[in-house]
C-alpha atoms as a PDB file:
ATOM      1  CA  MET A   1      75.552  66.035  50.089  1.00  0.00           C
ATOM      2  CA  ILE A   2      73.435  63.178  51.432  1.00  0.00           C
ATOM      3  CA  GLU A   3      70.699  64.148  48.954  1.00  0.00           C
ATOM      4  CA  ARG A   4      73.218  64.067  46.087  1.00  0.00           C
ATOM      5  CA  ASP A   5      74.414  60.596  47.073  1.00  0.00           C
ATOM      6  CA  ALA A   6      70.840  59.334  47.260  1.00  0.00           C
ATOM      7  CA  ARG A   7      70.121  60.528  43.715  1.00  0.00           C
ATOM      8  CA  GLY A   8      73.270  58.801  42.467  1.00  0.00           C
ATOM      9  CA  LEU A   9      72.201  55.569  44.134  1.00  0.00           C
ATOM     10  CA  VAL A  10      68.765  55.691  42.510  1.00  0.00           C
ATOM     11  CA  ALA A  11      70.340  56.246  39.107  1.00  0.00           C
ATOM     12  CA  ALA A  12      72.678  53.321  39.612  1.00  0.00           C
ATOM     13  CA  ILE A  13      69.807  51.055  40.642  1.00  0.00           C
ATOM     14  CA  THR A  14      67.797  52.138  37.560  1.00  0.00           C
ATOM     15  CA  VAL A  15      70.699  51.290  35.244  1.00  0.00           C
ATOM     16  CA  LEU A  16      71.146  47.939  36.982  1.00  0.00           C
ATOM     17  CA  LEU A  17      67.448  47.070  36.623  1.00  0.00           C
ATOM     18  CA  SER A  18      67.507  47.985  32.895  1.00  0.00           C
ATOM     19  CA  PHE A  19      70.522  45.742  32.396  1.00  0.00           C
ATOM     20  CA  VAL A  20      68.823  42.852  34.202  1.00  0.00           C
ATOM     21  CA  ALA A  21      65.682  43.304  31.996  1.00  0.00           C
ATOM     22  CA  LEU A  22      67.770  43.201  28.818  1.00  0.00           C
ATOM     23  CA  VAL A  23      69.523  40.039  29.953  1.00  0.00           C
ATOM     24  CA  ALA A  24      66.194  38.355  30.728  1.00  0.00           C
ATOM     25  CA  LEU A  25      64.765  39.344  27.328  1.00  0.00           C
ATOM     26  CA  ALA A  26      67.787  37.966  25.532  1.00  0.00           C
ATOM     27  CA  ALA A  27      67.512  34.711  27.422  1.00  0.00           C
ATOM     28  CA  ALA A  28      63.816  34.393  26.551  1.00  0.00           C
ATOM     29  CA  VAL A  29      64.524  34.923  22.853  1.00  0.00           C
ATOM     30  CA  ALA A  30      67.345  32.396  22.910  1.00  0.00           C
ATOM     31  CA  THR A  31      65.172  29.683  24.448  1.00  0.00           C
ATOM     32  CA  ARG A  32      62.032  30.281  22.311  1.00  0.00           C
ATOM     33  CA  PRO A  33      61.183  27.135  20.178  1.00  0.00           C
ATOM     34  CA  GLU A  34      61.554  27.442  16.421  1.00  0.00           C
ATOM     35  CA  PRO A  35      58.211  27.706  14.608  1.00  0.00           C
ATOM     36  CA  GLU A  36      57.141  24.416  12.999  1.00  0.00           C
ATOM     37  CA  VAL A  37      57.529  24.461   9.237  1.00  0.00           C
ATOM     38  CA  ARG A  38      54.872  22.259   7.650  1.00  0.00           C
ATOM     39  CA  ALA A  39      55.577  20.480   4.415  1.00  0.00           C
ATOM     40  CA  PRO A  40      53.198  21.295   1.565  1.00  0.00           C
ATOM     41  CA  SER A  41      50.158  19.060   1.451  1.00  0.00           C
ATOM     42  CA  VAL A  42      50.524  16.182  -0.965  1.00  0.00           C
ATOM     43  CA  VAL A  43      47.431  14.750  -2.646  1.00  0.00           C
ATOM     44  CA  SER A  44      47.633  11.065  -3.353  1.00  0.00           C
ATOM     45  CA  ILE A  45      47.223  10.289  -7.057  1.00  0.00           C
ATOM     46  CA  ASP A  46      46.226   6.879  -8.292  1.00  0.00           C
ATOM     47  CA  ALA A  47      49.126   5.056  -9.866  1.00  0.00           C
ATOM     48  CA  GLY A  48      47.156   4.489 -13.063  1.00  0.00           C
ATOM     49  CA  ILE A  49      46.773   8.233 -13.780  1.00  0.00           C
ATOM     50  CA  GLU A  50      49.524  10.587 -14.844  1.00  0.00           C
ATOM     51  CA  ARG A  51      50.073  13.808 -12.851  1.00  0.00           C
ATOM     52  CA  VAL A  52      48.566  16.926 -14.340  1.00  0.00           C
ATOM     53  CA  ASP A  53      51.926  18.628 -14.913  1.00  0.00           C
ATOM     54  CA  ALA A  54      53.046  15.585 -16.865  1.00  0.00           C
ATOM     55  CA  GLY A  55      50.129  15.848 -19.308  1.00  0.00           C
ATOM     56  CA  ALA A  56      46.745  14.136 -19.375  1.00  0.00           C
ATOM     57  CA  ALA A  57      46.755  10.373 -19.322  1.00  0.00           C
ATOM     58  CA  GLU A  58      45.964   8.745 -22.628  1.00  0.00           C
ATOM     59  CA  VAL A  59      42.933   6.510 -22.236  1.00  0.00           C
ATOM     60  CA  ALA A  60      42.881   3.473 -24.490  1.00  0.00           C
ATOM     61  CA  PRO A  61      39.550   2.980 -26.299  1.00  0.00           C
ATOM     62  CA  THR A  62      37.412   0.187 -24.944  1.00  0.00           C
ATOM     63  CA  PRO A  63      37.147  -2.536 -27.554  1.00  0.00           C
ATOM     64  CA  ARG A  64      33.598  -3.200 -28.653  1.00  0.00           C
ATOM     65  CA  VAL A  65      32.202  -6.517 -27.495  1.00  0.00           C
ATOM     66  CA  GLU A  66      29.593  -7.883 -29.873  1.00  0.00           C
ATOM     67  CA  VAL A  67      26.400  -9.087 -28.239  1.00  0.00           C
ATOM     68  CA  PRO A  68      25.375 -12.536 -29.515  1.00  0.00           C
ATOM     69  CA  TYR A  69      22.659 -12.247 -32.156  1.00  0.00           C
ATOM     70  CA  ALA A  70      19.974 -14.763 -33.069  1.00  0.00           C
ATOM     71  CA  LEU A  71      21.174 -15.294 -36.652  1.00  0.00           C
ATOM     72  CA  ASP A  72      24.939 -15.334 -36.100  1.00  0.00           C
ATOM     73  CA  ASP A  73      25.216 -19.135 -36.185  1.00  0.00           C
ATOM     74  CA  LEU A  74      23.188 -19.696 -39.329  1.00  0.00           C
ATOM     75  CA  PRO A  75      25.209 -20.759 -42.397  1.00  0.00           C
ATOM     76  CA  ARG A  76      25.597 -18.281 -45.248  1.00  0.00           C
ATOM     77  CA  ASP A  77      26.559 -20.778 -47.951  1.00  0.00           C
ATOM     78  CA  GLY A  78      24.858 -19.776 -51.195  1.00  0.00           C
ATOM     79  CA  ALA A  79      24.513 -23.382 -52.351  1.00  0.00           C
ATOM     80  CA  GLN A  80      21.746 -23.977 -49.822  1.00  0.00           C
ATOM     81  CA  LEU A  81      19.378 -21.865 -51.938  1.00  0.00           C
ATOM     82  CA  ALA A  82      19.270 -24.708 -54.441  1.00  0.00           C
ATOM     83  CA  GLU A  83      17.067 -26.490 -51.913  1.00  0.00           C
ATOM     84  CA  GLY A  84      14.963 -23.424 -51.181  1.00  0.00           C
ATOM     85  CA  CYS A  85      15.101 -20.467 -48.821  1.00  0.00           C
ATOM     86  CA  PRO A  86      16.443 -20.982 -45.294  1.00  0.00           C
ATOM     87  CA  GLU A  87      13.615 -21.737 -42.894  1.00  0.00           C
ATOM     88  CA  VAL A  88      13.575 -18.811 -40.465  1.00  0.00           C
ATOM     89  CA  PRO A  89      10.696 -17.160 -38.610  1.00  0.00           C
ATOM     90  CA  LEU A  90       9.454 -13.977 -40.259  1.00  0.00           C
ATOM     91  CA  VAL A  91       7.091 -11.212 -39.167  1.00  0.00           C
ATOM     92  CA  ASP A  92       5.332  -8.470 -41.073  1.00  0.00           C
ATOM     93  CA  HIS A  93       6.324  -5.018 -39.886  1.00  0.00           C
ATOM     94  CA  ALA A  94       4.123  -2.139 -41.044  1.00  0.00           C
ATOM     95  CA  GLY A  95       6.070   0.640 -39.276  1.00  0.00           C
ATOM     96  CA  ASP A  96       5.434   2.645 -36.136  1.00  0.00           C
ATOM     97  CA  PRO A  97       4.482   5.476 -36.020  1.00  0.00           C
ATOM     98  CA  VAL A  98       5.239   6.057 -39.720  1.00  0.00           C
ATOM     99  CA  PRO A  99       4.215   3.251 -42.120  1.00  0.00           C
ATOM    100  CA  TRP A 100       6.566   1.533 -44.551  1.00  0.00           C
ATOM    101  CA  ARG A 101       5.413   1.261 -48.147  1.00  0.00           C
ATOM    102  CA  PRO A 102       5.518  -1.572 -48.956  1.00  0.00           C
ATOM    103  CA  ALA A 103       5.494  -3.089 -45.461  1.00  0.00           C
ATOM    104  CA  LEU A 104       8.559  -5.036 -44.326  1.00  0.00           C
ATOM    105  CA  ARG A 105       8.904  -8.757 -43.779  1.00  0.00           C
ATOM    106  CA  VAL A 106      11.830  -9.463 -41.449  1.00  0.00           C
ATOM    107  CA  HIS A 107      13.179 -11.832 -38.833  1.00  0.00           C
ATOM    108  CA  PRO A 108      11.846 -10.950 -35.338  1.00  0.00           C
ATOM    109  CA  ALA A 109      15.395 -10.346 -34.096  1.00  0.00           C
ATOM    110  CA  LEU A 110      15.796  -7.470 -36.592  1.00  0.00           C
ATOM    111  CA  VAL A 111      12.694  -5.574 -35.446  1.00  0.00           C
ATOM    112  CA  PRO A 112      14.447  -3.545 -32.671  1.00  0.00           C
ATOM    113  CA  ALA A 113      17.014  -2.279 -35.187  1.00  0.00           C
ATOM    114  CA  VAL A 114      14.257  -1.404 -37.665  1.00  0.00           C
ATOM    115  CA  ARG A 115      12.474   0.579 -34.964  1.00  0.00           C
ATOM    116  CA  ALA A 116      15.714   2.433 -34.214  1.00  0.00           C
ATOM    117  CA  LEU A 117      15.924   3.303 -37.930  1.00  0.00           C
ATOM    118  CA  GLU A 118      12.314   4.538 -37.898  1.00  0.00           C
ATOM    119  CA  ARG A 119      13.035   6.808 -34.921  1.00  0.00           C
ATOM    120  CA  ALA A 120      16.118   8.152 -36.620  1.00  0.00           C
ATOM    121  CA  ILE A 121      14.209   8.873 -39.846  1.00  0.00           C
ATOM    122  CA  VAL A 122      11.418  10.722 -38.028  1.00  0.00           C
ATOM    123  CA  GLU A 123      13.705  12.728 -35.742  1.00  0.00           C
ATOM    124  CA  THR A 124      16.163  13.624 -38.525  1.00  0.00           C
ATOM    125  CA  ALA A 125      13.258  14.736 -40.742  1.00  0.00           C
ATOM    126  CA  ILE A 126      11.892  16.940 -37.962  1.00  0.00           C
ATOM    127  CA  LEU A 127      15.320  18.522 -37.488  1.00  0.00           C
ATOM    128  CA  THR A 128      15.744  19.050 -41.238  1.00  0.00           C
ATOM    129  CA  TYR A 129      12.211  19.820 -42.477  1.00  0.00           C
ATOM    130  CA  HIS A 130      10.484  20.714 -39.181  1.00  0.00           C
ATOM    131  CA  ARG A 131       7.950  17.943 -39.748  1.00  0.00           C
ATOM    132  CA  ALA A 132       7.838  14.170 -39.770  1.00  0.00           C
ATOM    133  CA  PRO A 133       7.386  12.116 -42.948  1.00  0.00           C
ATOM    134  CA  ILE A 134       4.045  10.457 -43.602  1.00  0.00           C
ATOM    135  CA  ARG A 135       5.546   7.357 -45.263  1.00  0.00           C
ATOM    136  CA  ILE A 136       8.859   5.513 -45.424  1.00  0.00           C
ATOM    137  CA  LEU A 137       9.637   3.948 -48.796  1.00  0.00           C
ATOM    138  CA  SER A 138      11.238   0.502 -48.736  1.00  0.00           C
ATOM    139  CA  ALA A 139      13.071  -1.128 -51.622  1.00  0.00           C
ATOM    140  CA  SER A 140      13.413  -4.631 -50.177  1.00  0.00           C
ATOM    141  CA  SER A 141      13.244  -6.711 -47.006  1.00  0.00           C
ATOM    142  CA  HIS A 142      12.978 -10.531 -47.037  1.00  0.00           C
ATOM    143  CA  ARG A 143      14.029 -11.867 -50.402  1.00  0.00           C
ATOM    144  CA  CYS A 144      15.458 -15.288 -51.201  1.00  0.00           C
ATOM    145  CA  ARG A 145      18.673 -14.620 -53.115  1.00  0.00           C
ATOM    146  CA  THR A 146      22.460 -14.652 -52.965  1.00  0.00           C
ATOM    147  CA  MET A 147      24.657 -11.619 -52.396  1.00  0.00           C
ATOM    148  CA  ARG A 148      25.080  -9.283 -55.325  1.00  0.00           C
ATOM    149  CA  GLY A 149      28.389 -10.062 -56.939  1.00  0.00           C
ATOM    150  CA  ASN A 150      29.009 -13.090 -54.715  1.00  0.00           C
ATOM    151  CA  PRO A 151      26.775 -16.075 -55.569  1.00  0.00           C
ATOM    152  CA  THR A 152      28.632 -18.309 -53.110  1.00  0.00           C
ATOM    153  CA  ARG A 153      27.014 -16.540 -50.152  1.00  0.00           C
ATOM    154  CA  ILE A 154      23.371 -15.911 -49.405  1.00  0.00           C
ATOM    155  CA  SER A 155      22.201 -12.359 -48.884  1.00  0.00           C
ATOM    156  CA  GLU A 156      21.133 -11.233 -45.424  1.00  0.00           C
ATOM    157  CA  HIS A 157      17.810 -10.504 -47.140  1.00  0.00           C
ATOM    158  CA  ALA A 158      17.304 -14.274 -47.508  1.00  0.00           C
ATOM    159  CA  LEU A 159      17.288 -14.515 -43.703  1.00  0.00           C
ATOM    160  CA  GLY A 160      14.964 -11.547 -43.203  1.00  0.00           C
ATOM    161  CA  ASN A 161      17.992  -9.864 -41.689  1.00  0.00           C
ATOM    162  CA  ALA A 162      18.166  -6.746 -43.885  1.00  0.00           C
ATOM    163  CA  VAL A 163      16.065  -3.842 -45.112  1.00  0.00           C
ATOM    164  CA  ASP A 164      16.592  -1.455 -48.006  1.00  0.00           C
ATOM    165  CA  LEU A 165      15.437   2.160 -47.650  1.00  0.00           C
ATOM    166  CA  ARG A 166      14.822   4.134 -50.841  1.00  0.00           C
ATOM    167  CA  GLY A 167      13.093   7.292 -49.605  1.00  0.00           C
ATOM    168  CA  ILE A 168      10.508   9.121 -47.525  1.00  0.00           C
ATOM    169  CA  VAL A 169       7.331  11.061 -48.316  1.00  0.00           C
ATOM    170  CA  LEU A 170       6.615  14.418 -46.675  1.00  0.00           C
ATOM    171  CA  ASP A 171       3.124  15.591 -45.757  1.00  0.00           C
ATOM    172  CA  GLU A 172       2.540  17.449 -49.007  1.00  0.00           C
ATOM    173  CA  GLY A 173       3.298  14.299 -50.972  1.00  0.00           C
ATOM    174  CA  GLU A 174       6.850  15.201 -51.941  1.00  0.00           C
ATOM    175  CA  GLU A 175       9.110  12.145 -52.287  1.00  0.00           C
ATOM    176  CA  ILE A 176      12.670  12.504 -51.024  1.00  0.00           C
ATOM    177  CA  THR A 177      14.642   9.620 -52.516  1.00  0.00           C
ATOM    178  CA  ILE A 178      18.206   8.342 -52.476  1.00  0.00           C
ATOM    179  CA  ARG A 179      18.311   8.248 -56.265  1.00  0.00           C
ATOM    180  CA  ASP A 180      17.215  11.842 -56.766  1.00  0.00           C
ATOM    181  CA  HIS A 181      18.512  13.586 -53.654  1.00  0.00           C
ATOM    182  CA  TRP A 182      21.641  11.890 -52.310  1.00  0.00           C
ATOM    183  CA  SER A 183      23.865  14.349 -54.201  1.00  0.00           C
ATOM    184  CA  ALA A 184      21.365  17.109 -55.010  1.00  0.00           C
ATOM    185  CA  THR A 185      22.461  20.727 -55.328  1.00  0.00           C
ATOM    186  CA  GLY A 186      20.868  24.158 -55.162  1.00  0.00           C
ATOM    187  CA  GLU A 187      17.495  24.303 -53.431  1.00  0.00           C
ATOM    188  CA  ASP A 188      17.471  20.511 -53.103  1.00  0.00           C
ATOM    189  CA  ALA A 189      20.693  20.474 -51.056  1.00  0.00           C
ATOM    190  CA  ILE A 190      18.536  20.345 -47.920  1.00  0.00           C
ATOM    191  CA  HIS A 191      17.720  16.741 -48.855  1.00  0.00           C
ATOM    192  CA  VAL A 192      21.426  15.915 -48.999  1.00  0.00           C
ATOM    193  CA  ARG A 193      21.739  17.150 -45.418  1.00  0.00           C
ATOM    194  CA  PHE A 194      18.851  14.910 -44.405  1.00  0.00           C
ATOM    195  CA  TRP A 195      20.285  11.734 -45.924  1.00  0.00           C
ATOM    196  CA  HIS A 196      23.819  12.308 -44.720  1.00  0.00           C
ATOM    197  CA  ALA A 197      22.671  13.187 -41.192  1.00  0.00           C
ATOM    198  CA  LEU A 198      20.548  10.035 -41.097  1.00  0.00           C
ATOM    199  CA  VAL A 199      23.437   7.799 -42.138  1.00  0.00           C
ATOM    200  CA  ARG A 200      25.814   9.415 -39.646  1.00  0.00           C
ATOM    201  CA  ARG A 201      23.321   8.819 -36.858  1.00  0.00           C
ATOM    202  CA  MET A 202      22.875   5.166 -37.800  1.00  0.00           C
ATOM    203  CA  ILE A 203      26.651   4.694 -37.924  1.00  0.00           C
ATOM    204  CA  ASP A 204      26.971   6.248 -34.465  1.00  0.00           C
ATOM    205  CA  GLU A 205      24.109   4.252 -32.954  1.00  0.00           C
ATOM    206  CA  GLN A 206      25.363   0.941 -34.419  1.00  0.00           C
ATOM    207  CA  SER A 207      21.865  -0.540 -34.414  1.00  0.00           C
ATOM    208  CA  PHE A 208      22.859  -2.373 -37.602  1.00  0.00           C
ATOM    209  CA  ARG A 209      26.174  -4.020 -38.304  1.00  0.00           C
ATOM    210  CA  GLY A 210      26.208  -3.334 -42.035  1.00  0.00           C
ATOM    211  CA  ILE A 211      25.336  -0.144 -43.942  1.00  0.00           C
ATOM    212  CA  VAL A 212      25.764   0.181 -47.713  1.00  0.00           C
ATOM    213  CA  GLY A 213      24.807   3.014 -50.033  1.00  0.00           C
ATOM    214  CA  PRO A 214      26.030   5.413 -52.716  1.00  0.00           C
ATOM    215  CA  PRO A 215      28.338   5.628 -54.540  1.00  0.00           C
ATOM    216  CA  ARG A 216      28.317   1.840 -54.965  1.00  0.00           C
ATOM    217  CA  ALA A 217      26.904   1.164 -58.403  1.00  0.00           C
ATOM    218  CA  ASP A 218      24.386  -1.372 -57.093  1.00  0.00           C
ATOM    219  CA  HIS A 219      23.219   0.931 -54.273  1.00  0.00           C
ATOM    220  CA  LEU A 220      22.684   4.241 -56.039  1.00  0.00           C
ATOM    221  CA  ASP A 221      18.953   4.221 -55.315  1.00  0.00           C
ATOM    222  CA  HIS A 222      18.788   2.859 -51.761  1.00  0.00           C
ATOM    223  CA  LEU A 223      20.487   2.434 -48.398  1.00  0.00           C
ATOM    224  CA  HIS A 224      21.000  -1.128 -47.224  1.00  0.00           C
ATOM    225  CA  PHE A 225      20.919  -1.949 -43.488  1.00  0.00           C
ATOM    226  CA  ASP A 226      21.616  -5.435 -42.154  1.00  0.00           C
ATOM    227  CA  HIS A 227      22.660  -7.281 -39.006  1.00  0.00           C
ATOM    228  CA  GLY A 228      25.097  -9.750 -40.534  1.00  0.00           C
ATOM    229  CA  ARG A 229      28.013 -11.365 -38.756  1.00  0.00           C
ATOM    230  CA  SER A 230      30.550  -8.599 -39.422  1.00  0.00           C
ATOM    231  CA  ARG A 231      30.545  -4.805 -39.041  1.00  0.00           C
ATOM    232  CA  PHE A 232      31.174  -2.677 -42.099  1.00  0.00           C
ATOM    233  CA  THR A 233      30.137   0.624 -43.633  1.00  0.00           C
ATOM    234  CA  ASP A 234      30.304   1.236 -47.364  1.00  0.00           C
ATOM    235  CA  VAL A 235      28.827   4.699 -47.840  1.00  0.00           C
ATOM    236  CA  GLU A 236      30.585   7.827 -49.006  1.00  0.00           C
ATOM    237  CA  LEU A 237      29.970  10.886 -46.826  1.00  0.00           C
ATOM    238  CA  PRO A 238      31.553  14.338 -47.165  1.00  0.00           C
END
């Protein structure tokens, strides 16, 4: 009987200890701190830029600022030719590395733009024909006259501030000219690609302020490049 009572006591103690353990576990759970919930990271965005989900910001084009040019302040009144050509410094420019025929006579300030044109001619010819030209054909450079169709204003040619390009010569002597090949078709269409690519490059580079060419009736046989006081392009491209 004593043995039976002892077993009952052990069982009671075991139940009591289990109960105490459950109570302690519950208390521990109740007092455990809540896990910290972090807010999503926020990347600072400059106030001048729209958020990506709102669409890309529209960037306004930067207006072109004209760099002062040596001949900008010279008068263009055509009446002054009655007393002779304007007195401006002029230099002879033979062409480098490809010669002009005939050589150019221009104002020194125009020489950098002429060299940019020479590079464009050579590089566009290499891309088109896989070889450079051996000559560049000029139609005019310095010439004392008024503007065509506007006798009240002097031409940029009178200041040595313009050159006219009429063609190039390839190494086998073939002449590629504006008159014959600006709108050529068939096998000669390759020359059209050359001329149009050249003009597009010169428009993009903006080495000259003025570019005139076909289909203007007075420019059907040459491309005119000048550095006058205003920017304009009067050439028809496809």
